C-alpha atoms as a PDB file:
ATOM      1  CA  UNK A   1      -5.116 -28.010  -4.866  1.00  0.00           C
ATOM      2  CA  UNK A   2      -4.288 -24.385  -4.087  1.00  0.00           C
ATOM      3  CA  UNK A   3      -1.914 -22.803  -6.550  1.00  0.00           C
ATOM      4  CA  UNK A   4       1.112 -20.839  -5.381  1.00  0.00           C
ATOM      5  CA  UNK A   5       1.098 -17.088  -5.874  1.00  0.00           C
ATOM      6  CA  UNK A   6       4.699 -17.274  -7.093  1.00  0.00           C
ATOM      7  CA  UNK A   7       5.451 -18.721 -10.521  1.00  0.00           C
ATOM      8  CA  UNK A   8       8.829 -19.985  -9.264  1.00  0.00           C
ATOM      9  CA  UNK A   9       7.064 -22.048  -6.552  1.00  0.00           C
ATOM     10  CA  UNK A  10       4.406 -23.710  -8.708  1.00  0.00           C
ATOM     11  CA  UNK A  11       4.403 -27.448  -9.421  1.00  0.00           C
ATOM     12  CA  UNK A  12       1.946 -27.499 -12.347  1.00  0.00           C
ATOM     13  CA  UNK A  13       4.296 -25.894 -14.881  1.00  0.00           C
ATOM     14  CA  UNK A  14       6.561 -27.898 -17.150  1.00  0.00           C
ATOM     15  CA  UNK A  15       9.576 -25.767 -16.260  1.00  0.00           C
ATOM     16  CA  UNK A  16       9.229 -26.269 -12.488  1.00  0.00           C
ATOM     17  CA  UNK A  17       7.388 -29.535 -11.826  1.00  0.00           C
ATOM     18  CA  UNK A  18      10.650 -31.561 -11.827  1.00  0.00           C
ATOM     19  CA  UNK A  19      12.590 -28.916  -9.932  1.00  0.00           C
ATOM     20  CA  UNK A  20      13.338 -30.409  -6.528  1.00  0.00           C
ATOM     21  CA  UNK A  21      15.827 -28.572  -4.350  1.00  0.00           C
ATOM     22  CA  UNK A  22      16.895 -29.951  -0.944  1.00  0.00           C
ATOM     23  CA  UNK A  23      16.730 -27.584   1.983  1.00  0.00           C
ATOM     24  CA  UNK A  24      19.928 -26.886   3.902  1.00  0.00           C
ATOM     25  CA  UNK A  25      22.228 -24.269   5.296  1.00  0.00           C
ATOM     26  CA  UNK A  26      24.703 -22.331   3.194  1.00  0.00           C
ATOM     27  CA  UNK A  27      27.491 -24.466   4.661  1.00  0.00           C
ATOM     28  CA  UNK A  28      25.701 -27.716   3.764  1.00  0.00           C
ATOM     29  CA  UNK A  29      25.213 -26.478   0.218  1.00  0.00           C
ATOM     30  CA  UNK A  30      28.601 -24.939  -0.504  1.00  0.00           C
ATOM     31  CA  UNK A  31      31.274 -26.721   1.521  1.00  0.00           C
ATOM     32  CA  UNK A  32      31.060 -30.199  -0.089  1.00  0.00           C
ATOM     33  CA  UNK A  33      31.686 -28.637  -3.516  1.00  0.00           C
ATOM     34  CA  UNK A  34      34.103 -25.888  -2.498  1.00  0.00           C
ATOM     35  CA  UNK A  35      37.283 -27.641  -3.632  1.00  0.00           C
ATOM     36  CA  UNK A  36      35.826 -28.566  -7.022  1.00  0.00           C
ATOM     37  CA  UNK A  37      34.654 -24.985  -7.518  1.00  0.00           C
ATOM     38  CA  UNK A  38      38.100 -23.660  -6.609  1.00  0.00           C
ATOM     39  CA  UNK A  39      39.847 -26.058  -8.982  1.00  0.00           C
ATOM     40  CA  UNK A  40      37.564 -25.117 -11.865  1.00  0.00           C
ATOM     41  CA  UNK A  41      37.840 -21.416 -11.072  1.00  0.00           C
ATOM     42  CA  UNK A  42      41.631 -21.517 -11.130  1.00  0.00           C
ATOM     43  CA  UNK A  43      41.600 -23.535 -14.357  1.00  0.00           C
ATOM     44  CA  UNK A  44      39.311 -21.005 -16.032  1.00  0.00           C
ATOM     45  CA  UNK A  45      41.501 -18.089 -14.995  1.00  0.00           C
ATOM     46  CA  UNK A  46      44.635 -19.854 -16.246  1.00  0.00           C
ATOM     47  CA  UNK A  47      43.223 -21.003 -19.580  1.00  0.00           C
ATOM     48  CA  UNK A  48      40.328 -18.725 -20.515  1.00  0.00           C
ATOM     49  CA  UNK A  49      41.262 -15.194 -21.633  1.00  0.00           C
ATOM     50  CA  UNK A  50      37.796 -13.844 -20.829  1.00  0.00           C
ATOM     51  CA  UNK A  51      38.013 -15.017 -17.208  1.00  0.00           C
ATOM     52  CA  UNK A  52      41.605 -13.792 -16.910  1.00  0.00           C
ATOM     53  CA  UNK A  53      40.658 -10.368 -18.238  1.00  0.00           C
ATOM     54  CA  UNK A  54      37.639 -10.116 -15.920  1.00  0.00           C
ATOM     55  CA  UNK A  55      39.741 -10.830 -12.819  1.00  0.00           C
ATOM     56  CA  UNK A  56      42.517  -8.472 -13.915  1.00  0.00           C
ATOM     57  CA  UNK A  57      40.005  -5.685 -14.517  1.00  0.00           C
ATOM     58  CA  UNK A  58      38.332  -6.093 -11.132  1.00  0.00           C
ATOM     59  CA  UNK A  59      41.675  -6.232  -9.308  1.00  0.00           C
ATOM     60  CA  UNK A  60      42.915  -3.128 -11.098  1.00  0.00           C
ATOM     61  CA  UNK A  61      39.712  -1.187 -10.404  1.00  0.00           C
ATOM     62  CA  UNK A  62      39.438  -2.219  -6.740  1.00  0.00           C
ATOM     63  CA  UNK A  63      43.057  -2.440  -5.584  1.00  0.00           C
ATOM     64  CA  UNK A  64      44.774  -0.143  -8.044  1.00  0.00           C
ATOM     65  CA  UNK A  65      47.970   1.115  -6.466  1.00  0.00           C
ATOM     66  CA  UNK A  66      46.960  -0.290  -3.088  1.00  0.00           C
ATOM     67  CA  UNK A  67      46.165   1.232   0.288  1.00  0.00           C
ATOM     68  CA  UNK A  68      48.648   3.829   1.435  1.00  0.00           C
ATOM     69  CA  UNK A  69      49.067   5.425   4.834  1.00  0.00           C
ATOM     70  CA  UNK A  70      47.961   9.017   5.331  1.00  0.00           C
ATOM     71  CA  UNK A  71      48.568   9.836   8.975  1.00  0.00           C
ATOM     72  CA  UNK A  72      46.124  12.331  10.457  1.00  0.00           C
ATOM     73  CA  UNK A  73      46.766  12.625  14.193  1.00  0.00           C
ATOM     74  CA  UNK A  74      44.212  14.294  16.467  1.00  0.00           C
ATOM     75  CA  UNK A  75      46.847  16.808  17.466  1.00  0.00           C
ATOM     76  CA  UNK A  76      44.514  18.887  19.635  1.00  0.00           C
ATOM     77  CA  UNK A  77      43.413  15.845  21.680  1.00  0.00           C
ATOM     78  CA  UNK A  78      47.061  14.803  21.997  1.00  0.00           C
ATOM     79  CA  UNK A  79      47.972  18.332  23.131  1.00  0.00           C
ATOM     80  CA  UNK A  80      50.400  18.756  20.253  1.00  0.00           C
ATOM     81  CA  UNK A  81      51.084  21.867  18.222  1.00  0.00           C
ATOM     82  CA  UNK A  82      50.453  21.829  14.492  1.00  0.00           C
ATOM     83  CA  UNK A  83      54.188  21.819  13.837  1.00  0.00           C
ATOM     84  CA  UNK A  84      54.655  18.850  16.166  1.00  0.00           C
ATOM     85  CA  UNK A  85      51.778  17.038  14.474  1.00  0.00           C
ATOM     86  CA  UNK A  86      53.264  17.643  11.022  1.00  0.00           C
ATOM     87  CA  UNK A  87      56.641  16.367  12.194  1.00  0.00           C
ATOM     88  CA  UNK A  88      55.050  13.264  13.750  1.00  0.00           C
ATOM     89  CA  UNK A  89      53.006  12.628  10.606  1.00  0.00           C
ATOM     90  CA  UNK A  90      56.031  12.874   8.326  1.00  0.00           C
ATOM     91  CA  UNK A  91      58.022  10.521  10.555  1.00  0.00           C
ATOM     92  CA  UNK A  92      55.266   7.887  10.761  1.00  0.00           C
ATOM     93  CA  UNK A  93      54.632   7.927   7.015  1.00  0.00           C
ATOM     94  CA  UNK A  94      58.367   7.640   6.343  1.00  0.00           C
ATOM     95  CA  UNK A  95      58.630   4.628   8.640  1.00  0.00           C
ATOM     96  CA  UNK A  96      55.597   3.008   7.030  1.00  0.00           C
ATOM     97  CA  UNK A  97      57.014   3.474   3.528  1.00  0.00           C
ATOM     98  CA  UNK A  98      60.284   1.917   4.666  1.00  0.00           C
ATOM     99  CA  UNK A  99      58.359  -1.184   5.780  1.00  0.00           C
ATOM    100  CA  UNK A 100      55.772  -1.307   2.974  1.00  0.00           C
ATOM    101  CA  UNK A 101      57.872  -0.598  -0.097  1.00  0.00           C
ATOM    102  CA  UNK A 102      60.409  -3.356   0.513  1.00  0.00           C
ATOM    103  CA  UNK A 103      59.905  -7.097   0.314  1.00  0.00           C
ATOM    104  CA  UNK A 104      60.825  -7.676   3.974  1.00  0.00           C
ATOM    105  CA  UNK A 105      57.150  -7.191   4.903  1.00  0.00           C
ATOM    106  CA  UNK A 106      56.357 -10.415   3.003  1.00  0.00           C
ATOM    107  CA  UNK A 107      57.319 -13.589   4.849  1.00  0.00           C
ATOM    108  CA  UNK A 108      58.457 -15.051   1.503  1.00  0.00           C
ATOM    109  CA  UNK A 109      60.398 -11.861   0.635  1.00  0.00           C
ATOM    110  CA  UNK A 110      58.917 -11.738  -2.858  1.00  0.00           C
ATOM    111  CA  UNK A 111      56.239  -9.004  -2.679  1.00  0.00           C
ATOM    112  CA  UNK A 112      55.992  -5.585  -1.126  1.00  0.00           C
ATOM    113  CA  UNK A 113      52.904  -4.463   0.796  1.00  0.00           C
ATOM    114  CA  UNK A 114      51.153  -3.205  -2.325  1.00  0.00           C
ATOM    115  CA  UNK A 115      51.848  -6.372  -4.271  1.00  0.00           C
ATOM    116  CA  UNK A 116      50.440  -8.422  -1.385  1.00  0.00           C
ATOM    117  CA  UNK A 117      47.187  -6.453  -1.544  1.00  0.00           C
ATOM    118  CA  UNK A 118      46.862  -7.363  -5.212  1.00  0.00           C
ATOM    119  CA  UNK A 119      47.704 -10.996  -4.445  1.00  0.00           C
ATOM    120  CA  UNK A 120      45.192 -11.333  -1.591  1.00  0.00           C
ATOM    121  CA  UNK A 121      42.291  -9.798  -3.493  1.00  0.00           C
ATOM    122  CA  UNK A 122      43.091 -11.931  -6.533  1.00  0.00           C
ATOM    123  CA  UNK A 123      43.136 -15.038  -4.314  1.00  0.00           C
ATOM    124  CA  UNK A 124      39.698 -14.175  -2.930  1.00  0.00           C
ATOM    125  CA  UNK A 125      38.294 -13.768  -6.443  1.00  0.00           C
ATOM    126  CA  UNK A 126      39.805 -17.053  -7.600  1.00  0.00           C
ATOM    127  CA  UNK A 127      39.155 -19.272  -4.578  1.00  0.00           C
ATOM    128  CA  UNK A 128      36.543 -17.423  -2.535  1.00  0.00           C
ATOM    129  CA  UNK A 129      38.705 -17.254   0.582  1.00  0.00           C
ATOM    130  CA  UNK A 130      42.115 -16.276   1.880  1.00  0.00           C
ATOM    131  CA  UNK A 131      43.798 -15.667   5.219  1.00  0.00           C
ATOM    132  CA  UNK A 132      46.697 -13.436   6.216  1.00  0.00           C
ATOM    133  CA  UNK A 133      48.810 -14.065   9.305  1.00  0.00           C
ATOM    134  CA  UNK A 134      50.936 -11.392  10.971  1.00  0.00           C
ATOM    135  CA  UNK A 135      53.905 -13.165  12.606  1.00  0.00           C
ATOM    136  CA  UNK A 136      56.690 -11.176  14.248  1.00  0.00           C
ATOM    137  CA  UNK A 137      60.017 -12.417  12.860  1.00  0.00           C
ATOM    138  CA  UNK A 138      63.159 -10.371  13.581  1.00  0.00           C
ATOM    139  CA  UNK A 139      65.667 -10.045  10.756  1.00  0.00           C
ATOM    140  CA  UNK A 140      69.056  -8.392  10.456  1.00  0.00           C
ATOM    141  CA  UNK A 141      68.052  -6.869   7.120  1.00  0.00           C
ATOM    142  CA  UNK A 142      65.061  -4.924   8.487  1.00  0.00           C
ATOM    143  CA  UNK A 143      64.389  -2.858  11.631  1.00  0.00           C
ATOM    144  CA  UNK A 144      60.813  -4.184  11.688  1.00  0.00           C
ATOM    145  CA  UNK A 145      59.686  -7.641  12.794  1.00  0.00           C
ATOM    146  CA  UNK A 146      56.157  -7.575  11.378  1.00  0.00           C
ATOM    147  CA  UNK A 147      55.641  -9.965   8.459  1.00  0.00           C
ATOM    148  CA  UNK A 148      52.579 -10.819   6.378  1.00  0.00           C
ATOM    149  CA  UNK A 149      51.928 -14.455   5.479  1.00  0.00           C
ATOM    150  CA  UNK A 150      49.251 -15.208   2.891  1.00  0.00           C
ATOM    151  CA  UNK A 151      47.485 -18.555   3.381  1.00  0.00           C
ATOM    152  CA  UNK A 152      45.766 -20.014   0.321  1.00  0.00           C
ATOM    153  CA  UNK A 153      42.196 -21.238   0.606  1.00  0.00           C
ATOM    154  CA  UNK A 154      43.262 -24.837  -0.095  1.00  0.00           C
ATOM    155  CA  UNK A 155      45.403 -24.843   3.047  1.00  0.00           C
ATOM    156  CA  UNK A 156      42.468 -23.919   5.295  1.00  0.00           C
ATOM    157  CA  UNK A 157      41.064 -27.244   6.411  1.00  0.00           C
ATOM    158  CA  UNK A 158      39.719 -29.183   9.370  1.00  0.00           C
ATOM    159  CA  UNK A 159      42.347 -31.044  11.401  1.00  0.00           C
ATOM    160  CA  UNK A 160      41.737 -34.772  10.837  1.00  0.00           C
ATOM    161  CA  UNK A 161      38.363 -33.971   9.243  1.00  0.00           C
ATOM    162  CA  UNK A 162      36.710 -33.242  12.604  1.00  0.00           C
ATOM    163  CA  UNK A 163      33.279 -31.609  12.491  1.00  0.00           C
ATOM    164  CA  UNK A 164      33.170 -30.578  16.159  1.00  0.00           C
ATOM    165  CA  UNK A 165      35.681 -29.594  18.768  1.00  0.00           C
ATOM    166  CA  UNK A 166      35.098 -28.700  22.413  1.00  0.00           C
ATOM    167  CA  UNK A 167      31.354 -28.365  21.904  1.00  0.00           C
ATOM    168  CA  UNK A 168      31.849 -26.009  18.975  1.00  0.00           C
ATOM    169  CA  UNK A 169      31.214 -26.757  15.351  1.00  0.00           C
ATOM    170  CA  UNK A 170      34.178 -26.759  13.000  1.00  0.00           C
ATOM    171  CA  UNK A 171      33.015 -25.375   9.683  1.00  0.00           C
ATOM    172  CA  UNK A 172      35.657 -26.402   7.174  1.00  0.00           C
ATOM    173  CA  UNK A 173      38.520 -24.232   8.390  1.00  0.00           C
ATOM    174  CA  UNK A 174      36.545 -22.032  10.812  1.00  0.00           C
ATOM    175  CA  UNK A 175      35.732 -22.711  14.461  1.00  0.00           C
ATOM    176  CA  UNK A 176      32.321 -21.344  15.408  1.00  0.00           C
ATOM    177  CA  UNK A 177      31.736 -19.693  18.773  1.00  0.00           C
ATOM    178  CA  UNK A 178      28.985 -22.107  19.821  1.00  0.00           C
ATOM    179  CA  UNK A 179      25.893 -24.017  18.700  1.00  0.00           C
ATOM    180  CA  UNK A 180      23.692 -20.883  18.780  1.00  0.00           C
ATOM    181  CA  UNK A 181      26.139 -18.332  17.417  1.00  0.00           C
ATOM    182  CA  UNK A 182      27.875 -18.193  14.084  1.00  0.00           C
ATOM    183  CA  UNK A 183      30.844 -15.935  14.805  1.00  0.00           C
ATOM    184  CA  UNK A 184      34.247 -17.342  13.881  1.00  0.00           C
ATOM    185  CA  UNK A 185      36.645 -17.644  16.801  1.00  0.00           C
ATOM    186  CA  UNK A 186      39.586 -19.290  15.091  1.00  0.00           C
ATOM    187  CA  UNK A 187      41.054 -20.879  11.980  1.00  0.00           C
ATOM    188  CA  UNK A 188      42.968 -24.055  11.254  1.00  0.00           C
ATOM    189  CA  UNK A 189      45.056 -24.973   8.273  1.00  0.00           C
ATOM    190  CA  UNK A 190      47.601 -27.340   6.752  1.00  0.00           C
ATOM    191  CA  UNK A 191      51.349 -26.913   6.749  1.00  0.00           C
ATOM    192  CA  UNK A 192      51.429 -27.630   3.005  1.00  0.00           C
ATOM    193  CA  UNK A 193      49.010 -27.645   0.122  1.00  0.00           C
ATOM    194  CA  UNK A 194      46.794 -30.753   0.043  1.00  0.00           C
ATOM    195  CA  UNK A 195      47.526 -33.179  -2.789  1.00  0.00           C
ATOM    196  CA  UNK A 196      51.080 -31.869  -3.022  1.00  0.00           C
ATOM    197  CA  UNK A 197      53.232 -34.722  -4.400  1.00  0.00           C
ATOM    198  CA  UNK A 198      56.334 -33.214  -2.818  1.00  0.00           C
ATOM    199  CA  UNK A 199      54.762 -33.287   0.650  1.00  0.00           C
ATOM    200  CA  UNK A 200      52.116 -36.040   0.671  1.00  0.00           C
ATOM    201  CA  UNK A 201      51.902 -36.210   4.485  1.00  0.00           C
ATOM    202  CA  UNK A 202      50.061 -33.007   5.375  1.00  0.00           C
ATOM    203  CA  UNK A 203      49.650 -32.168   9.025  1.00  0.00           C
ATOM    204  CA  UNK A 204      47.456 -29.442  10.438  1.00  0.00           C
ATOM    205  CA  UNK A 205      48.779 -26.617  12.544  1.00  0.00           C
ATOM    206  CA  UNK A 206      46.886 -25.275  15.589  1.00  0.00           C
ATOM    207  CA  UNK A 207      44.014 -22.884  15.107  1.00  0.00           C
ATOM    208  CA  UNK A 208      44.796 -19.204  14.868  1.00  0.00           C
ATOM    209  CA  UNK A 209      42.507 -17.222  17.193  1.00  0.00           C
ATOM    210  CA  UNK A 210      40.544 -14.498  15.561  1.00  0.00           C
END
């Protein structure tokens, strides 16, 4: 019998002769265990100081104070003078700060734009996924209608457990563009967290196009 040139692929070694690994796609390997992994990840971060400190350090180093707008208009291409460009820049940045520094940008009215950046990145580290919707909701307390809605990974799920829809594969919460292409074309999710005792009947809302 010909021996493999790679130690990790040999069958005549004690460490590898009982090592059988089924072949499959990344989805086949990860999706069945995704909820268990998320539950254990969240439990570790809540109850293990080392895991909590690691996440806090990464969030602080990556997000920090958050993304902030620095307007830099192409004033020559727009046929503006430098003074006009400076005035436009100051006005746009002022308007952005008015939206971003208050809690009206958050659909739950609890975080400002910079706090939401921290929250979203932390959610990705904890659960591996996160979605943000941008509904337009007018309010008397704000001149801007744009809101940000953070959707937890647990709420992203297949409607009725379907694995295909309209000839396209439904990969957990994502709708693929076709059998030969892997691009996501939409998302689907639940109106409430699964396994929520306060709302046991969880219905799915329509897919959000990408």
